[in-house]
Amino acid sequence: MLVSAVRYAMACWNERDTDAMPNPAGPPATPHPARLRVGVIGAGRVGATLGAALARAGHHIVGVSAVSEASVQRAERMLPGVPIRQPQSVLADAELTLLTVPDDVLPELVTGLSATDTPLTGRLLAHASGRHGIAVLGPAARHGALPLALHPVMTFTGRPDDLERLTGICFGVTAPESLRLVAEALVIEMGGEPVFIDEASRGLYHAALASAANHLITLVVQAAELLGVAGVSDPARMLTPLLSAALDNALRLGDAGLTGPVARADADTVAGHIEALREASPEALRAYVALARLTADRALAAGILSAAAAQRLLDVLAGVPR
């Protein structure tokens, strides 16, 4: 197994500056010269998609583990012809194994696999967790496994277009120095762009992504529900251009992209919002006030608001229970 990992690394090095290396902007046109036997433990939305991406790159998927009926169906749909096997069996037959299970399950899975009789020396073990780096793979690494953390920065829905969503996205990668080239090549083969994250920064990295993506969904769905209560028949139609512009402004301009009543110090308007939300949705009111306070603080720090204007807003917000 170590020979296979070394062969793959050497092929990555030899081809890194040639046309044989895949283009990060799209799926590879030519399979990598050193193909790996790949196993997938956990046929969730991410595992099935990454397995399919590696198969598309020319690697051989030797087995997949799936427990629920939904995961079995997903494996059959996205990894057709790949046998469904027990995790230990998948690991035993693979040179690269993807451990694509929920974050909280991953430590127990690694400990359990490390306690089996399956030789781990020279086998590449990669997980797709955003939260964890390679320390979680420590029990397996102590038995000779080669640890990688390859986190695709994308949401997956379980639909067939998930595979195409990999094209051009970033992967948060943590790897030992000796395996950085291998991690980089695997990500590029899947159509992504590797971004290396220090082990100590994984928690902050994942918290930032969760705040940006997961909490955004909550805010948008909540806004759509409030618009519906206000009588808007198609909230998505109304929100789409506004949110697209706001996201573009945030990514291009940072705090300078702030607009709206808080950025303008319209304290009376903010007070009107508070009264409307108090009646319509106390839960939405709490979120509105917390974000308005944060927005005012950031606008003050960025010089968008004067101290006096920010204080007027904060005085209005102070009267709302946290």
C-alpha atoms as a PDB file:
ATOM      1  CA  MET A   1       0.000   0.000   0.000  1.00  0.00           C
ATOM      2  CA  LEU A   2       2.850   2.394   0.756  1.00  0.00           C
ATOM      3  CA  VAL A   3       4.194   1.713  -2.718  1.00  0.00           C
ATOM      4  CA  SER A   4       0.874   2.810  -4.209  1.00  0.00           C
ATOM      5  CA  ALA A   5       0.844   6.050  -2.237  1.00  0.00           C
ATOM      6  CA  VAL A   6       4.438   6.802  -3.211  1.00  0.00           C
ATOM      7  CA  ARG A   7       3.686   5.988  -6.867  1.00  0.00           C
ATOM      8  CA  TYR A   8       0.732   8.355  -6.805  1.00  0.00           C
ATOM      9  CA  ALA A   9       2.813  11.111  -5.176  1.00  0.00           C
ATOM     10  CA  MET A  10       5.608  10.679  -7.713  1.00  0.00           C
ATOM     11  CA  ALA A  11       3.130  10.819 -10.577  1.00  0.00           C
ATOM     12  CA  CYS A  12       1.696  14.011  -9.097  1.00  0.00           C
ATOM     13  CA  TRP A  13       5.182  15.513  -9.003  1.00  0.00           C
ATOM     14  CA  ASN A  14       6.139  14.402 -12.494  1.00  0.00           C
ATOM     15  CA  GLU A  15       2.915  15.702 -14.040  1.00  0.00           C
ATOM     16  CA  ARG A  16       2.294  18.815 -11.957  1.00  0.00           C
ATOM     17  CA  ASP A  17       3.556  21.197 -14.662  1.00  0.00           C
ATOM     18  CA  THR A  18       2.170  19.364 -17.674  1.00  0.00           C
ATOM     19  CA  ASP A  19      -1.169  19.185 -19.420  1.00  0.00           C
ATOM     20  CA  ALA A  20      -1.827  15.831 -17.757  1.00  0.00           C
ATOM     21  CA  MET A  21      -2.659  17.551 -14.478  1.00  0.00           C
ATOM     22  CA  PRO A  22      -6.363  18.467 -14.353  1.00  0.00           C
ATOM     23  CA  ASN A  23      -7.491  22.050 -14.707  1.00  0.00           C
ATOM     24  CA  PRO A  24      -8.877  23.429 -11.413  1.00  0.00           C
ATOM     25  CA  ALA A  25     -11.566  25.226 -13.407  1.00  0.00           C
ATOM     26  CA  GLY A  26     -13.193  22.008 -14.558  1.00  0.00           C
ATOM     27  CA  PRO A  27     -13.178  18.219 -14.478  1.00  0.00           C
ATOM     28  CA  PRO A  28     -10.010  16.549 -15.758  1.00  0.00           C
ATOM     29  CA  ALA A  29      -9.787  15.737 -19.430  1.00  0.00           C
ATOM     30  CA  THR A  30      -7.144  13.047 -18.929  1.00  0.00           C
ATOM     31  CA  PRO A  31      -7.143  10.514 -16.054  1.00  0.00           C
ATOM     32  CA  HIS A  32      -4.185  10.744 -13.697  1.00  0.00           C
ATOM     33  CA  PRO A  33      -1.448   8.260 -14.687  1.00  0.00           C
ATOM     34  CA  ALA A  34      -1.335   6.677 -11.213  1.00  0.00           C
ATOM     35  CA  ARG A  35      -4.817   5.354 -10.495  1.00  0.00           C
ATOM     36  CA  LEU A  36      -5.782   4.397  -6.970  1.00  0.00           C
ATOM     37  CA  ARG A  37      -8.148   1.811  -5.585  1.00  0.00           C
ATOM     38  CA  VAL A  38     -10.645   3.954  -3.679  1.00  0.00           C
ATOM     39  CA  GLY A  39     -13.137   3.002  -0.997  1.00  0.00           C
ATOM     40  CA  VAL A  40     -15.955   5.129   0.411  1.00  0.00           C
ATOM     41  CA  ILE A  41     -17.112   4.641   3.991  1.00  0.00           C
ATOM     42  CA  GLY A  42     -20.332   6.604   4.319  1.00  0.00           C
ATOM     43  CA  ALA A  43     -22.501   7.050   1.229  1.00  0.00           C
ATOM     44  CA  GLY A  44     -24.025  10.342   2.305  1.00  0.00           C
ATOM     45  CA  ARG A  45     -24.400  13.275  -0.030  1.00  0.00           C
ATOM     46  CA  VAL A  46     -20.720  14.210   0.216  1.00  0.00           C
ATOM     47  CA  GLY A  47     -19.241  10.715   0.141  1.00  0.00           C
ATOM     48  CA  ALA A  48     -21.170   9.594  -2.925  1.00  0.00           C
ATOM     49  CA  THR A  49     -20.293  12.817  -4.743  1.00  0.00           C
ATOM     50  CA  LEU A  50     -16.569  12.678  -3.963  1.00  0.00           C
ATOM     51  CA  GLY A  51     -16.470   9.001  -4.894  1.00  0.00           C
ATOM     52  CA  ALA A  52     -18.131   9.768  -8.219  1.00  0.00           C
ATOM     53  CA  ALA A  53     -15.661  12.603  -8.827  1.00  0.00           C
ATOM     54  CA  LEU A  54     -12.678  10.327  -8.225  1.00  0.00           C
ATOM     55  CA  ALA A  55     -14.209   7.677 -10.494  1.00  0.00           C
ATOM     56  CA  ARG A  56     -14.612  10.316 -13.189  1.00  0.00           C
ATOM     57  CA  ALA A  57     -10.929  11.169 -12.764  1.00  0.00           C
ATOM     58  CA  GLY A  58      -9.998   7.565 -13.550  1.00  0.00           C
ATOM     59  CA  HIS A  59      -9.648   5.993 -10.110  1.00  0.00           C
ATOM     60  CA  HIS A  60     -11.253   2.625  -9.366  1.00  0.00           C
ATOM     61  CA  ILE A  61     -13.948   2.589  -6.672  1.00  0.00           C
ATOM     62  CA  VAL A  62     -13.663  -0.817  -5.027  1.00  0.00           C
ATOM     63  CA  GLY A  63     -16.468  -0.581  -2.489  1.00  0.00           C
ATOM     64  CA  VAL A  64     -18.819   1.651  -0.561  1.00  0.00           C
ATOM     65  CA  SER A  65     -20.443   1.250   2.830  1.00  0.00           C
ATOM     66  CA  ALA A  66     -24.042   2.364   3.213  1.00  0.00           C
ATOM     67  CA  VAL A  67     -26.421   1.765   6.109  1.00  0.00           C
ATOM     68  CA  SER A  68     -29.722   3.529   5.528  1.00  0.00           C
ATOM     69  CA  GLU A  69     -32.001   2.804   2.601  1.00  0.00           C
ATOM     70  CA  ALA A  70     -31.460   6.362   1.357  1.00  0.00           C
ATOM     71  CA  SER A  71     -27.673   5.934   1.352  1.00  0.00           C
ATOM     72  CA  VAL A  72     -27.946   2.572  -0.401  1.00  0.00           C
ATOM     73  CA  GLN A  73     -30.072   4.134  -3.126  1.00  0.00           C
ATOM     74  CA  ARG A  74     -27.671   7.074  -3.397  1.00  0.00           C
ATOM     75  CA  ALA A  75     -24.701   4.736  -3.764  1.00  0.00           C
ATOM     76  CA  GLU A  76     -26.466   2.741  -6.463  1.00  0.00           C
ATOM     77  CA  ARG A  77     -27.362   5.936  -8.302  1.00  0.00           C
ATOM     78  CA  MET A  78     -24.045   7.787  -8.101  1.00  0.00           C
ATOM     79  CA  LEU A  79     -21.645   4.833  -7.918  1.00  0.00           C
ATOM     80  CA  PRO A  80     -23.296   2.295 -10.217  1.00  0.00           C
ATOM     81  CA  GLY A  81     -21.785  -1.157 -10.132  1.00  0.00           C
ATOM     82  CA  VAL A  82     -19.764  -0.501  -6.981  1.00  0.00           C
ATOM     83  CA  PRO A  83     -20.368  -3.231  -4.392  1.00  0.00           C
ATOM     84  CA  ILE A  84     -21.862  -2.246  -1.044  1.00  0.00           C
ATOM     85  CA  ARG A  85     -19.648  -3.692   1.673  1.00  0.00           C
ATOM     86  CA  GLN A  86     -18.880  -3.456   5.356  1.00  0.00           C
ATOM     87  CA  PRO A  87     -16.502  -0.648   6.367  1.00  0.00           C
ATOM     88  CA  GLN A  88     -13.643  -2.975   7.309  1.00  0.00           C
ATOM     89  CA  SER A  89     -13.927  -4.752   3.962  1.00  0.00           C
ATOM     90  CA  VAL A  90     -13.899  -1.438   2.090  1.00  0.00           C
ATOM     91  CA  LEU A  91     -10.799  -0.331   3.976  1.00  0.00           C
ATOM     92  CA  ALA A  92      -8.988  -3.619   3.405  1.00  0.00           C
ATOM     93  CA  ASP A  93      -9.312  -3.392  -0.375  1.00  0.00           C
ATOM     94  CA  ALA A  94      -8.536   0.300  -0.852  1.00  0.00           C
ATOM     95  CA  GLU A  95      -5.390   2.339  -1.270  1.00  0.00           C
ATOM     96  CA  LEU A  96      -7.353   5.521  -0.564  1.00  0.00           C
ATOM     97  CA  THR A  97     -10.388   5.426   1.726  1.00  0.00           C
ATOM     98  CA  LEU A  98     -12.810   8.310   2.094  1.00  0.00           C
ATOM     99  CA  LEU A  99     -14.302   8.535   5.588  1.00  0.00           C
ATOM    100  CA  THR A 100     -17.393  10.586   4.799  1.00  0.00           C
ATOM    101  CA  VAL A 101     -19.528  10.344   7.920  1.00  0.00           C
ATOM    102  CA  PRO A 102     -20.967  13.099  10.169  1.00  0.00           C
ATOM    103  CA  ASP A 103     -18.413  15.117  12.158  1.00  0.00           C
ATOM    104  CA  ASP A 104     -19.455  13.714  15.525  1.00  0.00           C
ATOM    105  CA  VAL A 105     -19.242  10.126  14.270  1.00  0.00           C
ATOM    106  CA  LEU A 106     -15.797  10.440  12.706  1.00  0.00           C
ATOM    107  CA  PRO A 107     -13.626   9.993  15.845  1.00  0.00           C
ATOM    108  CA  GLU A 108     -15.440   6.804  16.831  1.00  0.00           C
ATOM    109  CA  LEU A 109     -15.194   5.436  13.284  1.00  0.00           C
ATOM    110  CA  VAL A 110     -11.441   6.075  13.123  1.00  0.00           C
ATOM    111  CA  THR A 111     -10.894   4.464  16.524  1.00  0.00           C
ATOM    112  CA  GLY A 112     -12.967   1.443  15.525  1.00  0.00           C
ATOM    113  CA  LEU A 113     -11.203   0.918  12.198  1.00  0.00           C
ATOM    114  CA  SER A 114      -7.822   1.294  13.876  1.00  0.00           C
ATOM    115  CA  ALA A 115      -8.716  -1.497  16.289  1.00  0.00           C
ATOM    116  CA  THR A 116      -9.361  -4.010  13.504  1.00  0.00           C
ATOM    117  CA  ASP A 117      -6.826  -6.389  12.015  1.00  0.00           C
ATOM    118  CA  THR A 118      -6.744  -4.484   8.718  1.00  0.00           C
ATOM    119  CA  PRO A 119      -3.196  -3.284   7.983  1.00  0.00           C
ATOM    120  CA  LEU A 120      -3.150   0.502   7.743  1.00  0.00           C
ATOM    121  CA  THR A 121       0.475   1.154   6.840  1.00  0.00           C
ATOM    122  CA  GLY A 122       0.722   3.211   3.665  1.00  0.00           C
ATOM    123  CA  ARG A 123      -3.025   3.531   3.163  1.00  0.00           C
ATOM    124  CA  LEU A 124      -4.349   7.023   2.453  1.00  0.00           C
ATOM    125  CA  LEU A 125      -7.226   7.939   4.773  1.00  0.00           C
ATOM    126  CA  ALA A 126      -9.116  11.116   3.891  1.00  0.00           C
ATOM    127  CA  HIS A 127     -12.115  12.624   5.601  1.00  0.00           C
ATOM    128  CA  ALA A 128     -14.331  15.449   4.323  1.00  0.00           C
ATOM    129  CA  SER A 129     -15.181  17.103   7.644  1.00  0.00           C
ATOM    130  CA  GLY A 130     -14.876  20.860   7.856  1.00  0.00           C
ATOM    131  CA  ARG A 131     -14.451  20.862  11.606  1.00  0.00           C
ATOM    132  CA  HIS A 132     -11.655  18.326  11.875  1.00  0.00           C
ATOM    133  CA  GLY A 133      -8.089  18.436  10.640  1.00  0.00           C
ATOM    134  CA  ILE A 134      -5.814  15.412  10.629  1.00  0.00           C
ATOM    135  CA  ALA A 135      -5.553  15.015  14.423  1.00  0.00           C
ATOM    136  CA  VAL A 136      -8.832  13.077  14.381  1.00  0.00           C
ATOM    137  CA  LEU A 137      -7.090  10.488  12.198  1.00  0.00           C
ATOM    138  CA  GLY A 138      -4.346  10.088  14.810  1.00  0.00           C
ATOM    139  CA  PRO A 139      -5.298   6.540  15.917  1.00  0.00           C
ATOM    140  CA  ALA A 140      -4.997   5.328  12.323  1.00  0.00           C
ATOM    141  CA  ALA A 141      -1.858   7.382  11.642  1.00  0.00           C
ATOM    142  CA  ARG A 142      -0.183   5.730  14.603  1.00  0.00           C
ATOM    143  CA  HIS A 143      -0.735   2.440  12.772  1.00  0.00           C
ATOM    144  CA  GLY A 144       0.915   3.791   9.634  1.00  0.00           C
ATOM    145  CA  ALA A 145      -2.054   5.339   7.790  1.00  0.00           C
ATOM    146  CA  LEU A 146      -1.465   8.485   5.742  1.00  0.00           C
ATOM    147  CA  PRO A 147      -3.944  11.174   6.927  1.00  0.00           C
ATOM    148  CA  LEU A 148      -5.654  13.825   4.805  1.00  0.00           C
ATOM    149  CA  ALA A 149      -8.466  16.302   5.510  1.00  0.00           C
ATOM    150  CA  LEU A 150     -10.225  17.308   2.277  1.00  0.00           C
ATOM    151  CA  HIS A 151     -13.289  19.453   2.955  1.00  0.00           C
ATOM    152  CA  PRO A 152     -15.322  20.602  -0.059  1.00  0.00           C
ATOM    153  CA  VAL A 153     -16.641  24.109   0.562  1.00  0.00           C
ATOM    154  CA  MET A 154     -20.055  23.538  -0.951  1.00  0.00           C
ATOM    155  CA  THR A 155     -23.548  22.509   0.066  1.00  0.00           C
ATOM    156  CA  PHE A 156     -24.817  19.202  -1.296  1.00  0.00           C
ATOM    157  CA  THR A 157     -28.464  18.309  -1.735  1.00  0.00           C
ATOM    158  CA  GLY A 158     -28.278  14.691  -2.878  1.00  0.00           C
ATOM    159  CA  ARG A 159     -29.377  15.599  -6.397  1.00  0.00           C
ATOM    160  CA  PRO A 160     -27.541  14.450  -9.544  1.00  0.00           C
ATOM    161  CA  ASP A 161     -26.086  17.936 -10.117  1.00  0.00           C
ATOM    162  CA  ASP A 162     -24.012  17.666  -6.932  1.00  0.00           C
ATOM    163  CA  LEU A 163     -21.118  16.246  -8.950  1.00  0.00           C
ATOM    164  CA  GLU A 164     -21.014  19.332 -11.156  1.00  0.00           C
ATOM    165  CA  ARG A 165     -21.065  21.564  -8.077  1.00  0.00           C
ATOM    166  CA  LEU A 166     -17.488  20.462  -7.358  1.00  0.00           C
ATOM    167  CA  THR A 167     -16.170  22.240 -10.417  1.00  0.00           C
ATOM    168  CA  GLY A 168     -14.147  25.280  -9.372  1.00  0.00           C
ATOM    169  CA  ILE A 169     -14.963  25.175  -5.639  1.00  0.00           C
ATOM    170  CA  CYS A 170     -12.413  25.461  -2.854  1.00  0.00           C
ATOM    171  CA  PHE A 171     -11.443  22.546  -0.613  1.00  0.00           C
ATOM    172  CA  GLY A 172     -10.147  23.237   2.882  1.00  0.00           C
ATOM    173  CA  VAL A 173      -7.107  20.952   3.058  1.00  0.00           C
ATOM    174  CA  THR A 174      -5.006  19.902   6.026  1.00  0.00           C
ATOM    175  CA  ALA A 175      -2.197  17.407   5.468  1.00  0.00           C
ATOM    176  CA  PRO A 176       1.295  16.564   6.669  1.00  0.00           C
ATOM    177  CA  GLU A 177       3.972  18.352   4.696  1.00  0.00           C
ATOM    178  CA  SER A 178       4.966  15.088   3.026  1.00  0.00           C
ATOM    179  CA  LEU A 179       1.410  14.592   1.711  1.00  0.00           C
ATOM    180  CA  ARG A 180       0.562  18.125   0.599  1.00  0.00           C
ATOM    181  CA  LEU A 181       1.227  17.297  -3.048  1.00  0.00           C
ATOM    182  CA  VAL A 182      -0.981  14.207  -2.870  1.00  0.00           C
ATOM    183  CA  ALA A 183      -3.809  16.206  -1.246  1.00  0.00           C
ATOM    184  CA  GLU A 184      -3.443  18.949  -3.839  1.00  0.00           C
ATOM    185  CA  ALA A 185      -3.599  16.486  -6.733  1.00  0.00           C
ATOM    186  CA  LEU A 186      -6.660  14.678  -5.387  1.00  0.00           C
ATOM    187  CA  VAL A 187      -8.560  17.942  -4.993  1.00  0.00           C
ATOM    188  CA  ILE A 188      -7.616  19.131  -8.467  1.00  0.00           C
ATOM    189  CA  GLU A 189      -8.654  15.790  -9.931  1.00  0.00           C
ATOM    190  CA  MET A 190     -12.071  16.256  -8.372  1.00  0.00           C
ATOM    191  CA  GLY A 191     -12.326  19.647 -10.081  1.00  0.00           C
ATOM    192  CA  GLY A 192     -11.594  21.778  -7.006  1.00  0.00           C
ATOM    193  CA  GLU A 193      -8.991  24.238  -5.803  1.00  0.00           C
ATOM    194  CA  PRO A 194      -6.992  23.303  -2.677  1.00  0.00           C
ATOM    195  CA  VAL A 195      -6.679  25.891   0.094  1.00  0.00           C
ATOM    196  CA  PHE A 196      -4.433  24.748   2.932  1.00  0.00           C
ATOM    197  CA  ILE A 197      -5.732  25.309   6.477  1.00  0.00           C
ATOM    198  CA  ASP A 198      -3.543  24.906   9.559  1.00  0.00           C
ATOM    199  CA  GLU A 199      -4.661  22.239  12.013  1.00  0.00           C
ATOM    200  CA  ALA A 200      -5.120  24.814  14.784  1.00  0.00           C
ATOM    201  CA  SER A 201      -7.369  26.964  12.560  1.00  0.00           C
ATOM    202  CA  ARG A 202      -9.880  24.304  11.519  1.00  0.00           C
ATOM    203  CA  GLY A 203     -12.452  25.265  14.161  1.00  0.00           C
ATOM    204  CA  LEU A 204     -12.442  28.946  13.190  1.00  0.00           C
ATOM    205  CA  TYR A 205     -12.418  28.048   9.492  1.00  0.00           C
ATOM    206  CA  HIS A 206     -15.499  25.858   9.853  1.00  0.00           C
ATOM    207  CA  ALA A 207     -17.336  28.310  12.114  1.00  0.00           C
ATOM    208  CA  ALA A 208     -16.861  31.035   9.496  1.00  0.00           C
ATOM    209  CA  LEU A 209     -18.255  28.831   6.745  1.00  0.00           C
ATOM    210  CA  ALA A 210     -21.219  27.705   8.852  1.00  0.00           C
ATOM    211  CA  SER A 211     -22.068  31.300   9.734  1.00  0.00           C
ATOM    212  CA  ALA A 212     -21.899  32.361   6.100  1.00  0.00           C
ATOM    213  CA  ALA A 213     -23.824  29.486   4.535  1.00  0.00           C
ATOM    214  CA  ASN A 214     -26.001  27.712   7.103  1.00  0.00           C
ATOM    215  CA  HIS A 215     -27.148  30.804   8.969  1.00  0.00           C
ATOM    216  CA  LEU A 216     -27.770  32.573   5.687  1.00  0.00           C
ATOM    217  CA  ILE A 217     -30.385  29.963   4.805  1.00  0.00           C
ATOM    218  CA  THR A 218     -32.139  30.563   8.111  1.00  0.00           C
ATOM    219  CA  LEU A 219     -32.191  34.324   7.533  1.00  0.00           C
ATOM    220  CA  VAL A 220     -33.400  34.059   3.950  1.00  0.00           C
ATOM    221  CA  VAL A 221     -36.151  31.555   4.733  1.00  0.00           C
ATOM    222  CA  GLN A 222     -37.242  33.689   7.664  1.00  0.00           C
ATOM    223  CA  ALA A 223     -37.345  36.804   5.460  1.00  0.00           C
ATOM    224  CA  ALA A 224     -39.387  34.937   2.849  1.00  0.00           C
ATOM    225  CA  GLU A 225     -41.874  33.834   5.504  1.00  0.00           C
ATOM    226  CA  LEU A 226     -42.269  37.408   6.773  1.00  0.00           C
ATOM    227  CA  LEU A 227     -42.815  38.672   3.235  1.00  0.00           C
ATOM    228  CA  GLY A 228     -45.511  36.042   2.831  1.00  0.00           C
ATOM    229  CA  VAL A 229     -47.212  37.289   5.985  1.00  0.00           C
ATOM    230  CA  ALA A 230     -46.953  40.803   4.530  1.00  0.00           C
ATOM    231  CA  GLY A 231     -48.883  39.636   1.460  1.00  0.00           C
ATOM    232  CA  VAL A 232     -46.094  39.057  -1.064  1.00  0.00           C
ATOM    233  CA  SER A 233     -47.184  36.152  -3.273  1.00  0.00           C
ATOM    234  CA  ASP A 234     -43.705  35.250  -4.553  1.00  0.00           C
ATOM    235  CA  PRO A 235     -41.065  36.125  -1.929  1.00  0.00           C
ATOM    236  CA  ALA A 236     -38.293  34.314  -3.812  1.00  0.00           C
ATOM    237  CA  ARG A 237     -38.873  36.456  -6.891  1.00  0.00           C
ATOM    238  CA  MET A 238     -38.636  39.606  -4.786  1.00  0.00           C
ATOM    239  CA  LEU A 239     -35.580  38.511  -2.783  1.00  0.00           C
ATOM    240  CA  THR A 240     -33.420  36.979  -5.514  1.00  0.00           C
ATOM    241  CA  PRO A 241     -32.077  40.167  -7.160  1.00  0.00           C
ATOM    242  CA  LEU A 242     -31.748  41.959  -3.815  1.00  0.00           C
ATOM    243  CA  LEU A 243     -29.816  39.136  -2.154  1.00  0.00           C
ATOM    244  CA  SER A 244     -27.644  38.570  -5.217  1.00  0.00           C
ATOM    245  CA  ALA A 245     -26.624  42.229  -5.179  1.00  0.00           C
ATOM    246  CA  ALA A 246     -26.082  42.243  -1.407  1.00  0.00           C
ATOM    247  CA  LEU A 247     -23.859  39.155  -1.575  1.00  0.00           C
ATOM    248  CA  ASP A 248     -21.874  40.635  -4.442  1.00  0.00           C
ATOM    249  CA  ASN A 249     -21.422  43.886  -2.505  1.00  0.00           C
ATOM    250  CA  ALA A 250     -20.287  42.030   0.621  1.00  0.00           C
ATOM    251  CA  LEU A 251     -17.706  39.937  -1.223  1.00  0.00           C
ATOM    252  CA  ARG A 252     -16.359  42.826  -3.318  1.00  0.00           C
ATOM    253  CA  LEU A 253     -16.635  45.769  -0.930  1.00  0.00           C
ATOM    254  CA  GLY A 254     -16.699  44.339   2.584  1.00  0.00           C
ATOM    255  CA  ASP A 255     -18.254  46.674   5.179  1.00  0.00           C
ATOM    256  CA  ALA A 256     -18.309  49.439   2.561  1.00  0.00           C
ATOM    257  CA  GLY A 257     -21.107  47.497   0.869  1.00  0.00           C
ATOM    258  CA  LEU A 258     -23.494  48.092   3.784  1.00  0.00           C
ATOM    259  CA  THR A 259     -26.785  49.739   2.864  1.00  0.00           C
ATOM    260  CA  GLY A 260     -30.143  50.118   4.580  1.00  0.00           C
ATOM    261  CA  PRO A 261     -31.489  51.884   7.657  1.00  0.00           C
ATOM    262  CA  VAL A 262     -28.677  50.888  10.026  1.00  0.00           C
ATOM    263  CA  ALA A 263     -25.980  52.120   7.635  1.00  0.00           C
ATOM    264  CA  ARG A 264     -27.971  55.360   7.198  1.00  0.00           C
ATOM    265  CA  ALA A 265     -28.585  55.746  10.943  1.00  0.00           C
ATOM    266  CA  ASP A 266     -32.353  55.803  10.379  1.00  0.00           C
ATOM    267  CA  ALA A 267     -33.209  55.133  14.024  1.00  0.00           C
ATOM    268  CA  ASP A 268     -36.936  55.802  13.567  1.00  0.00           C
ATOM    269  CA  THR A 269     -37.107  53.252  10.742  1.00  0.00           C
ATOM    270  CA  VAL A 270     -35.322  50.652  12.877  1.00  0.00           C
ATOM    271  CA  ALA A 271     -37.797  51.346  15.682  1.00  0.00           C
ATOM    272  CA  GLY A 272     -40.652  50.747  13.236  1.00  0.00           C
ATOM    273  CA  HIS A 273     -39.103  47.443  12.210  1.00  0.00           C
ATOM    274  CA  ILE A 274     -38.911  46.401  15.837  1.00  0.00           C
ATOM    275  CA  GLU A 275     -42.603  47.092  16.417  1.00  0.00           C
ATOM    276  CA  ALA A 276     -43.649  45.242  13.257  1.00  0.00           C
ATOM    277  CA  LEU A 277     -41.530  42.205  14.139  1.00  0.00           C
ATOM    278  CA  ARG A 278     -42.655  42.240  17.768  1.00  0.00           C
ATOM    279  CA  GLU A 279     -46.178  41.594  16.544  1.00  0.00           C
ATOM    280  CA  ALA A 280     -45.391  39.245  13.658  1.00  0.00           C
ATOM    281  CA  SER A 281     -42.539  37.082  14.951  1.00  0.00           C
ATOM    282  CA  PRO A 282     -40.728  37.374  18.303  1.00  0.00           C
ATOM    283  CA  GLU A 283     -38.122  34.881  17.052  1.00  0.00           C
ATOM    284  CA  ALA A 284     -37.382  37.019  13.992  1.00  0.00           C
ATOM    285  CA  LEU A 285     -37.200  40.090  16.234  1.00  0.00           C
ATOM    286  CA  ARG A 286     -34.416  38.579  18.341  1.00  0.00           C
ATOM    287  CA  ALA A 287     -32.378  37.800  15.222  1.00  0.00           C
ATOM    288  CA  TYR A 288     -33.035  41.252  13.751  1.00  0.00           C
ATOM    289  CA  VAL A 289     -31.882  43.052  16.902  1.00  0.00           C
ATOM    290  CA  ALA A 290     -28.744  40.935  17.316  1.00  0.00           C
ATOM    291  CA  LEU A 291     -27.711  41.513  13.708  1.00  0.00           C
ATOM    292  CA  ALA A 292     -28.615  45.204  13.828  1.00  0.00           C
ATOM    293  CA  ARG A 293     -26.355  45.655  16.853  1.00  0.00           C
ATOM    294  CA  LEU A 294     -23.514  43.842  15.087  1.00  0.00           C
ATOM    295  CA  THR A 295     -24.090  45.854  11.901  1.00  0.00           C
ATOM    296  CA  ALA A 296     -24.033  49.139  13.826  1.00  0.00           C
ATOM    297  CA  ASP A 297     -20.801  48.162  15.586  1.00  0.00           C
ATOM    298  CA  ARG A 298     -19.147  47.253  12.282  1.00  0.00           C
ATOM    299  CA  ALA A 299     -20.435  50.405  10.571  1.00  0.00           C
ATOM    300  CA  LEU A 300     -18.995  52.506  13.396  1.00  0.00           C
ATOM    301  CA  ALA A 301     -15.628  50.743  13.214  1.00  0.00           C
ATOM    302  CA  ALA A 302     -15.539  51.197   9.423  1.00  0.00           C
ATOM    303  CA  GLY A 303     -16.290  54.917   9.655  1.00  0.00           C
ATOM    304  CA  ILE A 304     -19.689  54.580   7.976  1.00  0.00           C
ATOM    305  CA  LEU A 305     -21.494  55.781  11.097  1.00  0.00           C
ATOM    306  CA  SER A 306     -20.455  58.540  13.465  1.00  0.00           C
ATOM    307  CA  ALA A 307     -20.339  57.771  17.170  1.00  0.00           C
ATOM    308  CA  ALA A 308     -23.449  59.890  17.764  1.00  0.00           C
ATOM    309  CA  ALA A 309     -25.413  58.154  14.981  1.00  0.00           C
ATOM    310  CA  ALA A 310     -24.391  54.711  16.197  1.00  0.00           C
ATOM    311  CA  GLN A 311     -25.455  55.607  19.725  1.00  0.00           C
ATOM    312  CA  ARG A 312     -28.932  56.659  18.528  1.00  0.00           C
ATOM    313  CA  LEU A 313     -29.350  53.258  16.913  1.00  0.00           C
ATOM    314  CA  LEU A 314     -28.015  51.389  19.923  1.00  0.00           C
ATOM    315  CA  ASP A 315     -30.391  53.305  22.192  1.00  0.00           C
ATOM    316  CA  VAL A 316     -33.337  52.112  20.068  1.00  0.00           C
ATOM    317  CA  LEU A 317     -32.056  48.547  20.113  1.00  0.00           C
ATOM    318  CA  ALA A 318     -31.311  48.607  23.842  1.00  0.00           C
ATOM    319  CA  GLY A 319     -34.987  48.577  24.682  1.00  0.00           C
ATOM    320  CA  VAL A 320     -35.505  45.145  23.136  1.00  0.00           C
ATOM    321  CA  PRO A 321     -34.857  42.121  25.412  1.00  0.00           C
ATOM    322  CA  ARG A 322     -32.009  39.953  24.196  1.00  0.00           C
END
